[in-house]
Amino acid sequence: MKNMKSSLGVIELSSIARGVVVSDALLKKAHVSLIRSMAVSCGKHIIMFVGDIAEVEESFHSGVHHGGSDVIDSVMIPMVDKQIAAFLPDGKSISRRNTEALLVIETKTVCSTLLGVDAAVKASDVVVIEMQFAVGIGGKAFSMMTGTLHDLEASVDAFEHTVTSDHIVNTEIIASPHEEMPSRFLI
């Protein structure tokens, strides 16, 4: 990894939706660079970020706090060795979207996500920017949408009235996502 900053933070969470919220929170807390924020096998979410020691420490503590009981494991490595840095993913940028607000919907089943997202997009003017179904995430499914805060709130209402509550894992809205969100979010 070229230009590796001196400190690395990694947070693993049991919720994909909460992982997106934590990514946004830690990016807003201090000046750090997001290497990767991604859903992984078993429905977990991994966040990797770098920066100067003080900034990573501040963002790390904020991320762990925002993750709460969904945090499975976390580590902060000040002065990370270049041999470790060489094995870290560089991440990839996807095109930046005009994102006033971001909604993440996570369910236990693919059918629930499809049914709920269909209701959500019909209820208001939102744009689906990502959907992932079961593979590599422990059978869960999730979707990410952008739009105005008002429209996303209406979409959540429609989603929650359509999908049975025992199939909903989590819904999260980020009212004003950091500029790197969701451009550095990897699925």
N, C-alpha and C. Protein backbone atom coordinates (compact mmCIF):
# COMPACT_ATOMS: atom_id res chain seq x y z
N MET A 1 0.85 -1.17 0.00
CA MET A 1 0.00 0.00 0.00
C MET A 1 0.89 1.22 0.00
N LYS A 2 0.79 2.01 -1.03
CA LYS A 2 1.60 3.21 -1.14
C LYS A 2 1.11 4.26 -0.16
N ASN A 3 2.04 5.07 0.34
CA ASN A 3 1.71 6.17 1.23
C ASN A 3 0.89 5.73 2.44
N MET A 4 1.20 4.58 2.99
CA MET A 4 0.48 4.10 4.16
C MET A 4 0.70 5.07 5.31
N LYS A 5 -0.39 5.51 5.88
CA LYS A 5 -0.27 6.42 7.02
C LYS A 5 0.18 5.60 8.22
N SER A 6 0.50 6.25 9.32
CA SER A 6 1.20 5.56 10.40
C SER A 6 0.33 4.69 11.30
N SER A 7 -0.97 4.85 11.29
CA SER A 7 -1.81 4.09 12.20
C SER A 7 -2.98 3.45 11.46
N LEU A 8 -3.39 2.26 11.93
CA LEU A 8 -4.46 1.49 11.31
C LEU A 8 -5.54 1.19 12.35
N GLY A 9 -6.80 1.36 11.95
CA GLY A 9 -7.92 0.96 12.79
C GLY A 9 -8.78 -0.03 12.04
N VAL A 10 -9.25 -1.07 12.72
CA VAL A 10 -10.13 -2.07 12.12
C VAL A 10 -11.24 -2.37 13.12
N ILE A 11 -12.48 -2.34 12.63
CA ILE A 11 -13.63 -2.67 13.47
C ILE A 11 -14.47 -3.70 12.73
N GLU A 12 -14.80 -4.81 13.41
CA GLU A 12 -15.67 -5.85 12.86
C GLU A 12 -17.00 -5.78 13.59
N LEU A 13 -18.09 -5.81 12.81
CA LEU A 13 -19.42 -5.73 13.40
C LEU A 13 -20.30 -6.87 12.94
N SER A 14 -21.31 -7.20 13.74
CA SER A 14 -22.24 -8.27 13.40
C SER A 14 -23.38 -7.79 12.51
N SER A 15 -23.50 -6.49 12.30
CA SER A 15 -24.56 -5.92 11.48
C SER A 15 -23.98 -5.12 10.33
N ILE A 16 -24.42 -5.42 9.13
CA ILE A 16 -23.99 -4.68 7.94
C ILE A 16 -24.48 -3.24 8.02
N ALA A 17 -25.75 -3.06 8.34
CA ALA A 17 -26.32 -1.72 8.41
C ALA A 17 -25.60 -0.87 9.45
N ARG A 18 -25.34 -1.43 10.62
CA ARG A 18 -24.63 -0.68 11.66
C ARG A 18 -23.22 -0.38 11.20
N GLY A 19 -22.61 -1.27 10.42
CA GLY A 19 -21.27 -1.03 9.90
C GLY A 19 -21.20 0.21 9.02
N VAL A 20 -22.23 0.43 8.22
CA VAL A 20 -22.27 1.62 7.37
C VAL A 20 -22.37 2.87 8.25
N VAL A 21 -23.20 2.83 9.29
CA VAL A 21 -23.34 3.96 10.20
C VAL A 21 -22.02 4.24 10.91
N VAL A 22 -21.36 3.20 11.38
CA VAL A 22 -20.08 3.36 12.08
C VAL A 22 -19.03 3.96 11.13
N SER A 23 -19.01 3.50 9.88
CA SER A 23 -18.06 4.06 8.91
C SER A 23 -18.25 5.56 8.77
N ASP A 24 -19.50 5.98 8.62
CA ASP A 24 -19.80 7.39 8.49
C ASP A 24 -19.38 8.17 9.74
N ALA A 25 -19.70 7.63 10.91
CA ALA A 25 -19.38 8.30 12.17
C ALA A 25 -17.88 8.48 12.35
N LEU A 26 -17.10 7.45 12.07
CA LEU A 26 -15.66 7.57 12.30
C LEU A 26 -15.00 8.48 11.27
N LEU A 27 -15.55 8.54 10.06
CA LEU A 27 -15.02 9.48 9.07
C LEU A 27 -15.30 10.92 9.46
N LYS A 28 -16.44 11.14 10.10
CA LYS A 28 -16.81 12.49 10.53
C LYS A 28 -16.07 12.91 11.80
N LYS A 29 -15.60 11.98 12.59
CA LYS A 29 -14.98 12.28 13.88
C LYS A 29 -13.60 12.91 13.73
N ALA A 30 -12.79 12.40 12.82
CA ALA A 30 -11.42 12.90 12.65
C ALA A 30 -10.98 12.66 11.21
N HIS A 31 -9.87 13.25 10.85
CA HIS A 31 -9.37 13.15 9.48
C HIS A 31 -8.64 11.81 9.30
N VAL A 32 -9.40 10.80 8.88
CA VAL A 32 -8.85 9.48 8.56
C VAL A 32 -9.26 9.12 7.14
N SER A 33 -8.56 8.16 6.57
CA SER A 33 -8.90 7.68 5.22
C SER A 33 -9.46 6.28 5.32
N LEU A 34 -10.60 6.07 4.69
CA LEU A 34 -11.24 4.77 4.69
C LEU A 34 -10.57 3.89 3.65
N ILE A 35 -10.02 2.76 4.09
CA ILE A 35 -9.44 1.79 3.16
C ILE A 35 -10.54 0.92 2.60
N ARG A 36 -11.39 0.44 3.53
CA ARG A 36 -12.44 -0.47 3.11
C ARG A 36 -13.55 -0.47 4.15
N SER A 37 -14.77 -0.53 3.64
CA SER A 37 -15.97 -0.72 4.46
C SER A 37 -16.81 -1.70 3.67
N MET A 38 -16.94 -2.92 4.19
CA MET A 38 -17.55 -3.94 3.35
C MET A 38 -18.27 -5.03 4.14
N ALA A 39 -19.30 -5.57 3.51
CA ALA A 39 -19.98 -6.74 4.03
C ALA A 39 -19.12 -7.96 3.72
N VAL A 40 -19.04 -8.88 4.68
CA VAL A 40 -18.25 -10.10 4.49
C VAL A 40 -19.08 -11.31 4.91
N SER A 41 -18.50 -12.48 4.78
CA SER A 41 -19.20 -13.72 5.10
C SER A 41 -19.81 -13.68 6.49
N CYS A 42 -20.86 -14.46 6.63
CA CYS A 42 -21.62 -14.59 7.88
C CYS A 42 -22.35 -13.31 8.25
N GLY A 43 -22.55 -12.41 7.29
CA GLY A 43 -23.32 -11.21 7.54
C GLY A 43 -22.61 -10.19 8.42
N LYS A 44 -21.28 -10.23 8.45
CA LYS A 44 -20.52 -9.27 9.23
C LYS A 44 -20.14 -8.07 8.36
N HIS A 45 -19.64 -7.04 9.01
CA HIS A 45 -19.17 -5.86 8.31
C HIS A 45 -17.79 -5.51 8.85
N ILE A 46 -16.85 -5.25 7.94
CA ILE A 46 -15.47 -4.92 8.31
C ILE A 46 -15.16 -3.49 7.87
N ILE A 47 -14.56 -2.71 8.77
CA ILE A 47 -14.14 -1.34 8.45
C ILE A 47 -12.64 -1.24 8.71
N MET A 48 -11.88 -0.75 7.71
CA MET A 48 -10.44 -0.52 7.85
C MET A 48 -10.18 0.93 7.49
N PHE A 49 -9.41 1.62 8.34
CA PHE A 49 -9.11 3.03 8.08
C PHE A 49 -7.72 3.37 8.60
N VAL A 50 -7.11 4.38 8.01
CA VAL A 50 -5.75 4.78 8.35
C VAL A 50 -5.68 6.29 8.56
N GLY A 51 -4.62 6.70 9.19
CA GLY A 51 -4.37 8.12 9.40
C GLY A 51 -3.27 8.30 10.42
N ASP A 52 -3.09 9.53 10.83
CA ASP A 52 -2.12 9.80 11.89
C ASP A 52 -2.64 9.21 13.19
N ILE A 53 -1.76 8.91 14.09
CA ILE A 53 -2.11 8.18 15.30
C ILE A 53 -3.26 8.82 16.07
N ALA A 54 -3.19 10.11 16.34
CA ALA A 54 -4.23 10.77 17.15
C ALA A 54 -5.59 10.72 16.45
N GLU A 55 -5.60 10.93 15.13
CA GLU A 55 -6.86 10.91 14.39
C GLU A 55 -7.47 9.51 14.35
N VAL A 56 -6.64 8.50 14.13
CA VAL A 56 -7.15 7.13 14.10
C VAL A 56 -7.67 6.75 15.48
N GLU A 57 -6.97 7.14 16.52
CA GLU A 57 -7.42 6.83 17.88
C GLU A 57 -8.79 7.47 18.16
N GLU A 58 -8.95 8.72 17.77
CA GLU A 58 -10.22 9.41 17.99
C GLU A 58 -11.35 8.75 17.19
N SER A 59 -11.11 8.46 15.91
CA SER A 59 -12.11 7.82 15.07
C SER A 59 -12.41 6.40 15.55
N PHE A 60 -11.37 5.70 15.97
CA PHE A 60 -11.53 4.33 16.46
C PHE A 60 -12.48 4.29 17.66
N HIS A 61 -12.24 5.14 18.63
CA HIS A 61 -13.10 5.16 19.83
C HIS A 61 -14.53 5.55 19.47
N SER A 62 -14.67 6.49 18.54
CA SER A 62 -16.01 6.88 18.08
C SER A 62 -16.69 5.70 17.39
N GLY A 63 -15.96 5.00 16.54
CA GLY A 63 -16.52 3.85 15.83
C GLY A 63 -16.96 2.74 16.76
N VAL A 64 -16.12 2.42 17.74
CA VAL A 64 -16.47 1.38 18.70
C VAL A 64 -17.70 1.81 19.51
N HIS A 65 -17.74 3.08 19.89
CA HIS A 65 -18.90 3.60 20.64
C HIS A 65 -20.18 3.48 19.80
N HIS A 66 -20.13 3.93 18.55
CA HIS A 66 -21.30 3.88 17.68
C HIS A 66 -21.70 2.44 17.33
N GLY A 67 -20.73 1.53 17.33
CA GLY A 67 -21.02 0.13 17.03
C GLY A 67 -21.71 -0.58 18.17
N GLY A 68 -21.45 -0.14 19.39
CA GLY A 68 -22.10 -0.70 20.57
C GLY A 68 -21.99 -2.21 20.63
N SER A 69 -23.10 -2.85 20.92
CA SER A 69 -23.11 -4.31 21.09
C SER A 69 -22.92 -5.07 19.78
N ASP A 70 -22.95 -4.37 18.63
CA ASP A 70 -22.71 -5.03 17.34
C ASP A 70 -21.23 -5.22 17.05
N VAL A 71 -20.34 -4.61 17.87
CA VAL A 71 -18.90 -4.77 17.66
C VAL A 71 -18.49 -6.17 18.11
N ILE A 72 -17.93 -6.93 17.16
CA ILE A 72 -17.45 -8.29 17.44
C ILE A 72 -16.00 -8.23 17.91
N ASP A 73 -15.21 -7.40 17.23
CA ASP A 73 -13.80 -7.28 17.54
C ASP A 73 -13.31 -5.96 16.97
N SER A 74 -12.22 -5.46 17.54
CA SER A 74 -11.65 -4.21 17.03
C SER A 74 -10.18 -4.15 17.41
N VAL A 75 -9.42 -3.44 16.60
CA VAL A 75 -8.00 -3.28 16.89
C VAL A 75 -7.53 -1.94 16.32
N MET A 76 -6.64 -1.28 17.07
CA MET A 76 -5.97 -0.09 16.57
C MET A 76 -4.47 -0.36 16.69
N ILE A 77 -3.76 -0.18 15.57
CA ILE A 77 -2.33 -0.44 15.57
C ILE A 77 -1.59 0.86 15.24
N PRO A 78 -1.03 1.51 16.25
CA PRO A 78 -0.22 2.70 15.98
C PRO A 78 1.09 2.26 15.30
N MET A 79 1.56 3.06 14.42
CA MET A 79 2.83 2.79 13.74
C MET A 79 2.83 1.40 13.11
N VAL A 80 1.78 1.11 12.32
CA VAL A 80 1.66 -0.21 11.70
C VAL A 80 2.88 -0.49 10.82
N ASP A 81 3.38 -1.70 10.91
CA ASP A 81 4.58 -2.10 10.16
C ASP A 81 4.28 -2.15 8.67
N LYS A 82 5.26 -1.78 7.86
CA LYS A 82 5.07 -1.76 6.40
C LYS A 82 4.80 -3.15 5.84
N GLN A 83 5.26 -4.22 6.52
CA GLN A 83 4.98 -5.57 6.05
C GLN A 83 3.49 -5.90 6.18
N ILE A 84 2.87 -5.41 7.23
CA ILE A 84 1.42 -5.58 7.40
C ILE A 84 0.69 -4.71 6.37
N ALA A 85 1.13 -3.48 6.22
CA ALA A 85 0.50 -2.55 5.29
C ALA A 85 0.48 -3.11 3.87
N ALA A 86 1.49 -3.86 3.50
CA ALA A 86 1.57 -4.42 2.15
C ALA A 86 0.45 -5.41 1.87
N PHE A 87 -0.13 -6.02 2.90
CA PHE A 87 -1.19 -6.99 2.71
C PHE A 87 -2.58 -6.41 2.85
N LEU A 88 -2.69 -5.14 3.19
CA LEU A 88 -4.00 -4.51 3.33
C LEU A 88 -4.56 -4.17 1.95
N PRO A 89 -5.87 -4.29 1.79
CA PRO A 89 -6.47 -3.93 0.50
C PRO A 89 -6.39 -2.43 0.27
N ASP A 90 -6.21 -2.05 -0.97
CA ASP A 90 -6.20 -0.63 -1.31
C ASP A 90 -7.60 -0.06 -1.39
N GLY A 91 -8.61 -0.91 -1.51
CA GLY A 91 -9.97 -0.43 -1.72
C GLY A 91 -10.10 0.07 -3.14
N LYS A 92 -11.29 0.35 -3.55
CA LYS A 92 -11.52 0.91 -4.87
C LYS A 92 -12.62 1.93 -4.75
N SER A 93 -12.54 2.93 -5.54
CA SER A 93 -13.58 3.94 -5.51
C SER A 93 -14.61 3.62 -6.58
N ILE A 94 -15.85 3.80 -6.22
CA ILE A 94 -16.90 3.72 -7.22
C ILE A 94 -17.38 5.14 -7.44
N SER A 95 -18.10 5.38 -8.49
CA SER A 95 -18.46 6.75 -8.80
C SER A 95 -19.22 7.39 -7.65
N ARG A 96 -18.87 8.64 -7.38
CA ARG A 96 -19.50 9.40 -6.30
C ARG A 96 -20.93 9.72 -6.69
N ARG A 97 -21.82 9.48 -5.79
CA ARG A 97 -23.22 9.76 -6.03
C ARG A 97 -23.61 11.00 -5.25
N ASN A 98 -24.55 11.75 -5.76
CA ASN A 98 -25.08 12.87 -5.02
C ASN A 98 -25.93 12.31 -3.89
N THR A 99 -25.41 12.34 -2.69
CA THR A 99 -26.03 11.65 -1.58
C THR A 99 -26.36 12.63 -0.47
N GLU A 100 -27.63 13.06 -0.42
CA GLU A 100 -28.06 13.91 0.69
C GLU A 100 -28.21 13.07 1.95
N ALA A 101 -28.79 11.88 1.80
CA ALA A 101 -28.96 10.96 2.92
C ALA A 101 -28.83 9.54 2.38
N LEU A 102 -28.50 8.61 3.26
CA LEU A 102 -28.24 7.23 2.89
C LEU A 102 -29.04 6.30 3.80
N LEU A 103 -29.71 5.33 3.20
CA LEU A 103 -30.50 4.34 3.93
C LEU A 103 -29.92 2.96 3.66
N VAL A 104 -29.76 2.18 4.74
CA VAL A 104 -29.34 0.79 4.61
C VAL A 104 -30.42 -0.06 5.25
N ILE A 105 -30.91 -1.04 4.50
CA ILE A 105 -31.92 -1.97 4.97
C ILE A 105 -31.29 -3.36 4.96
N GLU A 106 -31.38 -4.05 6.09
CA GLU A 106 -30.77 -5.38 6.23
C GLU A 106 -31.83 -6.35 6.73
N THR A 107 -31.96 -7.49 6.05
CA THR A 107 -32.96 -8.48 6.44
C THR A 107 -32.33 -9.87 6.58
N LYS A 108 -33.11 -10.78 7.15
CA LYS A 108 -32.65 -12.15 7.32
C LYS A 108 -32.78 -12.97 6.05
N THR A 109 -33.63 -12.52 5.10
CA THR A 109 -33.87 -13.30 3.89
C THR A 109 -33.85 -12.42 2.64
N VAL A 110 -33.55 -13.05 1.52
CA VAL A 110 -33.55 -12.37 0.23
C VAL A 110 -34.97 -11.89 -0.11
N CYS A 111 -35.94 -12.75 0.11
CA CYS A 111 -37.33 -12.40 -0.21
C CYS A 111 -37.79 -11.17 0.54
N SER A 112 -37.43 -11.07 1.81
CA SER A 112 -37.81 -9.91 2.61
C SER A 112 -37.20 -8.62 2.06
N THR A 113 -35.95 -8.68 1.65
CA THR A 113 -35.31 -7.49 1.09
C THR A 113 -36.00 -7.08 -0.21
N LEU A 114 -36.25 -8.04 -1.09
CA LEU A 114 -36.90 -7.71 -2.37
C LEU A 114 -38.28 -7.12 -2.15
N LEU A 115 -39.06 -7.72 -1.29
CA LEU A 115 -40.40 -7.23 -1.01
C LEU A 115 -40.36 -5.84 -0.37
N GLY A 116 -39.49 -5.68 0.61
CA GLY A 116 -39.39 -4.41 1.32
C GLY A 116 -38.84 -3.28 0.48
N VAL A 117 -37.82 -3.56 -0.33
CA VAL A 117 -37.25 -2.52 -1.19
C VAL A 117 -38.25 -2.11 -2.26
N ASP A 118 -39.00 -3.05 -2.78
CA ASP A 118 -40.04 -2.72 -3.74
C ASP A 118 -41.03 -1.73 -3.13
N ALA A 119 -41.46 -2.00 -1.91
CA ALA A 119 -42.39 -1.08 -1.23
C ALA A 119 -41.72 0.27 -0.96
N ALA A 120 -40.45 0.23 -0.57
CA ALA A 120 -39.72 1.46 -0.23
C ALA A 120 -39.58 2.40 -1.43
N VAL A 121 -39.24 1.84 -2.60
CA VAL A 121 -39.04 2.70 -3.77
C VAL A 121 -40.37 3.20 -4.34
N LYS A 122 -41.42 2.45 -4.11
CA LYS A 122 -42.74 2.89 -4.57
C LYS A 122 -43.33 3.96 -3.66
N ALA A 123 -42.84 4.05 -2.44
CA ALA A 123 -43.39 4.99 -1.46
C ALA A 123 -42.82 6.40 -1.59
N SER A 124 -41.64 6.53 -2.16
CA SER A 124 -41.02 7.85 -2.24
C SER A 124 -39.95 7.87 -3.33
N ASP A 125 -39.39 9.05 -3.53
CA ASP A 125 -38.40 9.27 -4.58
C ASP A 125 -37.00 8.96 -4.05
N VAL A 126 -36.64 7.67 -4.06
CA VAL A 126 -35.32 7.24 -3.62
C VAL A 126 -34.65 6.47 -4.75
N VAL A 127 -33.34 6.33 -4.65
CA VAL A 127 -32.57 5.61 -5.67
C VAL A 127 -31.85 4.45 -4.99
N VAL A 128 -32.07 3.24 -5.48
CA VAL A 128 -31.35 2.07 -4.97
C VAL A 128 -29.96 2.09 -5.58
N ILE A 129 -28.94 2.08 -4.72
CA ILE A 129 -27.56 2.12 -5.21
C ILE A 129 -26.82 0.80 -5.01
N GLU A 130 -27.41 -0.09 -4.21
CA GLU A 130 -26.77 -1.39 -3.98
C GLU A 130 -27.78 -2.38 -3.43
N MET A 131 -27.63 -3.62 -3.85
CA MET A 131 -28.37 -4.72 -3.26
C MET A 131 -27.46 -5.94 -3.29
N GLN A 132 -27.47 -6.70 -2.19
CA GLN A 132 -26.70 -7.94 -2.16
C GLN A 132 -27.56 -9.01 -1.52
N PHE A 133 -27.50 -10.20 -2.10
CA PHE A 133 -28.37 -11.29 -1.69
C PHE A 133 -27.59 -12.51 -1.23
N ALA A 134 -27.61 -12.81 0.04
CA ALA A 134 -27.24 -14.07 0.66
C ALA A 134 -25.78 -14.50 0.52
N VAL A 135 -25.23 -14.50 -0.66
CA VAL A 135 -23.91 -15.08 -0.90
C VAL A 135 -22.84 -14.29 -0.15
N GLY A 136 -22.13 -14.99 0.69
CA GLY A 136 -21.02 -14.38 1.42
C GLY A 136 -21.42 -13.58 2.64
N ILE A 137 -22.70 -13.47 2.92
CA ILE A 137 -23.14 -12.69 4.09
C ILE A 137 -24.11 -13.50 4.96
N GLY A 138 -23.86 -14.78 5.03
CA GLY A 138 -24.60 -15.64 5.94
C GLY A 138 -26.08 -15.76 5.64
N GLY A 139 -26.45 -15.65 4.38
CA GLY A 139 -27.84 -15.79 4.01
C GLY A 139 -28.66 -14.52 4.16
N LYS A 140 -28.08 -13.48 4.75
CA LYS A 140 -28.78 -12.21 4.87
C LYS A 140 -28.84 -11.53 3.50
N ALA A 141 -29.59 -10.43 3.44
CA ALA A 141 -29.63 -9.60 2.25
C ALA A 141 -29.72 -8.15 2.71
N PHE A 142 -29.25 -7.24 1.87
CA PHE A 142 -29.37 -5.83 2.22
C PHE A 142 -29.42 -4.96 0.98
N SER A 143 -29.87 -3.73 1.20
CA SER A 143 -29.96 -2.75 0.14
C SER A 143 -29.53 -1.40 0.69
N MET A 144 -28.96 -0.58 -0.18
CA MET A 144 -28.62 0.80 0.17
C MET A 144 -29.35 1.72 -0.80
N MET A 145 -29.91 2.81 -0.27
CA MET A 145 -30.65 3.78 -1.07
C MET A 145 -30.23 5.18 -0.71
N THR A 146 -30.36 6.09 -1.67
CA THR A 146 -30.10 7.50 -1.41
C THR A 146 -31.35 8.30 -1.72
N GLY A 147 -31.40 9.49 -1.18
CA GLY A 147 -32.52 10.41 -1.40
C GLY A 147 -32.51 11.46 -0.32
N THR A 148 -33.58 12.21 -0.24
CA THR A 148 -33.69 13.19 0.84
C THR A 148 -34.01 12.45 2.13
N LEU A 149 -33.72 13.07 3.24
CA LEU A 149 -34.01 12.46 4.53
C LEU A 149 -35.51 12.14 4.63
N HIS A 150 -36.33 13.08 4.23
CA HIS A 150 -37.78 12.88 4.28
C HIS A 150 -38.21 11.66 3.45
N ASP A 151 -37.69 11.56 2.23
CA ASP A 151 -38.05 10.43 1.37
C ASP A 151 -37.56 9.10 1.94
N LEU A 152 -36.36 9.10 2.52
CA LEU A 152 -35.84 7.85 3.09
C LEU A 152 -36.65 7.44 4.32
N GLU A 153 -37.07 8.40 5.12
CA GLU A 153 -37.92 8.07 6.27
C GLU A 153 -39.24 7.47 5.81
N ALA A 154 -39.81 8.01 4.74
CA ALA A 154 -41.05 7.45 4.18
C ALA A 154 -40.80 6.04 3.66
N SER A 155 -39.64 5.82 3.07
CA SER A 155 -39.29 4.49 2.57
C SER A 155 -39.15 3.48 3.71
N VAL A 156 -38.57 3.90 4.82
CA VAL A 156 -38.45 3.01 5.98
C VAL A 156 -39.84 2.64 6.49
N ASP A 157 -40.73 3.61 6.57
CA ASP A 157 -42.10 3.32 7.02
C ASP A 157 -42.77 2.29 6.11
N ALA A 158 -42.64 2.48 4.80
CA ALA A 158 -43.23 1.53 3.85
C ALA A 158 -42.59 0.16 3.99
N PHE A 159 -41.29 0.13 4.14
CA PHE A 159 -40.55 -1.13 4.32
C PHE A 159 -41.04 -1.85 5.57
N GLU A 160 -41.11 -1.14 6.69
CA GLU A 160 -41.50 -1.76 7.96
C GLU A 160 -42.96 -2.20 7.99
N HIS A 161 -43.80 -1.58 7.17
CA HIS A 161 -45.21 -2.01 7.08
C HIS A 161 -45.39 -3.20 6.14
N THR A 162 -44.37 -3.49 5.34
CA THR A 162 -44.46 -4.56 4.35
C THR A 162 -43.77 -5.85 4.82
N VAL A 163 -42.64 -5.71 5.49
CA VAL A 163 -41.85 -6.87 5.91
C VAL A 163 -42.15 -7.18 7.38
N THR A 164 -42.33 -8.46 7.68
CA THR A 164 -42.59 -8.83 9.07
C THR A 164 -41.37 -8.50 9.94
N SER A 165 -41.63 -8.02 11.14
CA SER A 165 -40.56 -7.53 12.01
C SER A 165 -39.52 -8.59 12.34
N ASP A 166 -39.91 -9.86 12.39
CA ASP A 166 -38.93 -10.89 12.71
C ASP A 166 -37.97 -11.17 11.55
N HIS A 167 -38.21 -10.60 10.38
CA HIS A 167 -37.29 -10.75 9.24
C HIS A 167 -36.36 -9.54 9.10
N ILE A 168 -36.64 -8.47 9.82
CA ILE A 168 -35.82 -7.26 9.74
C ILE A 168 -34.66 -7.37 10.72
N VAL A 169 -33.43 -7.24 10.20
CA VAL A 169 -32.25 -7.23 11.06
C VAL A 169 -32.00 -5.80 11.54
N ASN A 170 -32.03 -4.85 10.59
CA ASN A 170 -31.72 -3.47 10.95
C ASN A 170 -32.07 -2.54 9.80
N THR A 171 -32.44 -1.32 10.14
CA THR A 171 -32.54 -0.23 9.17
C THR A 171 -31.80 0.94 9.77
N GLU A 172 -31.01 1.61 8.95
CA GLU A 172 -30.22 2.75 9.42
C GLU A 172 -30.29 3.85 8.38
N ILE A 173 -30.49 5.08 8.85
CA ILE A 173 -30.43 6.26 7.97
C ILE A 173 -29.29 7.14 8.44
N ILE A 174 -28.47 7.56 7.51
CA ILE A 174 -27.43 8.55 7.78
C ILE A 174 -27.90 9.84 7.11
N ALA A 175 -28.23 10.84 7.93
CA ALA A 175 -28.84 12.06 7.42
C ALA A 175 -27.92 12.87 6.52
N SER A 176 -26.68 12.91 6.82
CA SER A 176 -25.74 13.68 6.02
C SER A 176 -24.42 12.92 5.97
N PRO A 177 -24.33 11.93 5.06
CA PRO A 177 -23.15 11.08 5.04
C PRO A 177 -21.88 11.83 4.67
N HIS A 178 -20.78 11.36 5.22
CA HIS A 178 -19.46 11.91 4.88
C HIS A 178 -19.26 11.78 3.38
N GLU A 179 -18.45 12.66 2.81
CA GLU A 179 -18.28 12.67 1.35
C GLU A 179 -17.72 11.37 0.78
N GLU A 180 -17.02 10.58 1.59
CA GLU A 180 -16.50 9.30 1.10
C GLU A 180 -17.54 8.18 1.19
N MET A 181 -18.69 8.46 1.78
CA MET A 181 -19.75 7.47 1.89
C MET A 181 -20.78 7.72 0.81
N PRO A 182 -21.20 6.82 0.01
CA PRO A 182 -20.80 5.42 -0.03
C PRO A 182 -19.72 5.13 -1.06
N SER A 183 -18.97 6.14 -1.51
CA SER A 183 -18.01 5.90 -2.59
C SER A 183 -16.90 4.94 -2.22
N ARG A 184 -16.62 4.75 -0.93
CA ARG A 184 -15.58 3.80 -0.52
C ARG A 184 -16.17 2.57 0.13
N PHE A 185 -17.50 2.42 0.05
CA PHE A 185 -18.16 1.25 0.61
C PHE A 185 -18.06 0.14 -0.42
N LEU A 186 -17.56 -0.99 0.01
CA LEU A 186 -17.37 -2.11 -0.92
C LEU A 186 -18.25 -3.26 -0.50
N ILE A 187 -18.86 -3.87 -1.48
CA ILE A 187 -19.73 -5.00 -1.24
C ILE A 187 -19.00 -6.27 -1.67
